[in-house]
Protein backbone atom coordinates (compact mmCIF):
# COMPACT_ATOMS: atom_id res chain seq x y z
CA MET A 1 64.99 -12.35 -51.55
CA ARG A 2 61.59 -13.05 -53.07
CA GLU A 3 60.99 -16.43 -54.65
CA VAL A 4 58.04 -18.37 -56.09
CA VAL A 5 58.38 -21.79 -54.45
CA ALA A 6 55.17 -23.59 -55.46
CA LYS A 7 52.13 -23.24 -57.70
CA TYR A 8 48.75 -24.88 -57.26
CA GLU A 9 45.78 -25.10 -59.59
CA LYS A 10 43.18 -25.17 -56.83
CA SER A 11 42.57 -23.88 -53.32
CA ALA A 12 39.69 -24.80 -51.04
CA LEU A 13 39.88 -21.30 -49.50
CA ALA A 14 39.20 -17.89 -51.02
CA GLY A 15 42.20 -15.56 -51.42
CA ASP A 16 41.94 -13.70 -48.09
CA GLU A 17 41.04 -16.85 -46.15
CA LEU A 18 44.02 -18.68 -47.64
CA GLN A 19 46.38 -15.82 -46.78
CA VAL A 20 45.17 -15.69 -43.17
CA ALA A 21 45.61 -19.47 -42.86
CA ILE A 22 49.14 -19.26 -44.32
CA ASP A 23 50.05 -16.40 -41.95
CA LEU A 24 48.86 -18.43 -38.95
CA ALA A 25 50.73 -21.55 -40.09
CA LEU A 26 53.92 -19.52 -40.67
CA ALA A 27 53.70 -17.97 -37.20
CA GLU A 28 53.22 -21.45 -35.76
CA VAL A 29 56.31 -22.77 -37.59
CA LEU A 30 58.46 -19.80 -36.53
CA ALA A 31 57.44 -20.30 -32.88
CA ASP A 32 57.85 -24.10 -32.93
CA PRO A 33 60.94 -25.17 -30.96
CA GLU A 34 60.97 -28.45 -32.91
CA ALA A 35 61.37 -26.51 -36.19
CA ALA A 36 64.09 -24.18 -34.86
CA GLU A 37 67.03 -26.36 -35.93
CA GLU A 38 65.71 -26.86 -39.46
CA LEU A 39 64.96 -23.14 -39.76
CA GLU A 40 68.46 -22.31 -38.55
CA GLN A 41 69.94 -24.61 -41.21
CA ILE A 42 68.21 -22.63 -43.97
CA GLY A 43 69.24 -19.27 -42.48
CA ILE A 44 66.14 -18.25 -40.51
CA ASN A 45 66.34 -17.58 -36.78
CA ALA A 46 64.52 -15.71 -34.02
CA SER A 47 67.10 -12.90 -33.93
CA MET A 48 66.34 -11.75 -37.49
CA ASP A 49 65.26 -8.12 -37.84
CA GLU A 50 62.53 -9.05 -40.30
CA SER A 51 60.45 -12.22 -40.22
CA PRO A 52 59.92 -14.12 -43.45
CA SER A 53 56.60 -13.73 -45.21
CA ILE A 54 54.69 -16.10 -47.44
CA THR A 55 52.11 -14.76 -49.85
CA ALA A 56 49.52 -16.59 -51.92
CA GLU A 57 49.14 -14.76 -55.23
CA GLU A 58 46.30 -15.61 -57.58
CA ARG A 59 47.44 -15.55 -61.21
CA GLY A 60 45.78 -16.04 -64.55
CA VAL A 61 42.18 -16.82 -65.39
CA ALA A 62 40.80 -20.31 -65.93
CA PRO A 63 42.32 -22.32 -64.40
CA LEU A 64 43.36 -19.90 -61.70
CA ILE A 65 46.86 -20.58 -60.38
CA VAL A 66 47.79 -19.89 -56.75
CA ALA A 67 51.50 -19.04 -56.60
CA ILE A 68 53.21 -19.28 -53.22
CA VAL A 69 55.82 -16.55 -52.83
CA VAL A 70 58.36 -16.59 -49.99
CA ALA A 71 60.03 -13.30 -49.07
CA VAL A 72 62.89 -13.25 -46.59
CA GLY A 73 64.97 -10.26 -45.53
CA VAL A 74 68.13 -12.35 -45.59
CA ASP A 75 69.81 -14.22 -48.38
CA ILE A 76 68.67 -17.85 -48.43
CA THR A 77 68.69 -20.27 -51.33
CA LYS A 78 65.63 -21.14 -53.36
CA GLU A 79 65.90 -24.61 -51.82
CA GLY A 80 65.82 -23.02 -48.36
CA ALA A 81 62.72 -21.04 -49.31
CA LYS A 82 61.08 -24.25 -50.53
CA LYS A 83 61.94 -26.00 -47.24
CA LEU A 84 60.34 -23.15 -45.31
CA TRP A 85 57.21 -23.46 -47.45
CA ARG A 86 57.04 -27.24 -46.92
CA LEU A 87 57.14 -26.74 -43.13
CA VAL A 88 54.34 -24.18 -43.39
CA GLU A 89 52.37 -26.27 -45.88
CA LYS A 90 52.40 -29.22 -43.47
CA LYS A 91 50.98 -27.05 -40.64
CA LEU A 92 48.45 -25.51 -43.04
CA LYS A 93 47.18 -28.89 -44.23
CA ASN A 94 47.04 -30.23 -40.67
CA ARG A 95 44.91 -27.24 -39.68
CA LYS A 96 42.72 -26.78 -42.78
CA GLY A 97 42.70 -30.22 -44.40
CA ARG A 98 44.66 -31.95 -47.15
CA ASP A 99 42.60 -30.27 -49.89
CA VAL A 100 43.40 -26.68 -48.85
CA LEU A 101 45.82 -26.58 -51.82
CA THR A 102 45.65 -29.20 -54.55
CA LYS A 103 46.99 -29.95 -58.00
CA GLU A 104 50.52 -28.66 -57.45
CA GLN A 105 52.19 -27.59 -60.68
CA LEU A 106 55.50 -29.39 -61.01
CA ASP A 107 57.26 -26.95 -63.32
CA ASP A 108 60.09 -24.88 -61.87
CA SER A 109 59.06 -21.53 -63.35
């Protein structure tokens, strides 16, 4: 399953820096015992063969859009993928600041 779960018009970090920060925040969420129950509810657990991945893809020209893509080796719903992203986004913003990703696009495409 590979799903675009969010789009942002701006990022305070360059592409590689943003990806590293997302990877660290995802690892933190996956290791967080407090997040384990919520992760389990969306179908993600420590015994999975393949960990989920979250990728920031830059798309378009001006304005550049940063699309957040969640890939999981198991079948979870788009809503589950969005919940995973929101957990990671919270850790990311706590670590890098509220402006790390701004101007979220509210369309569902």
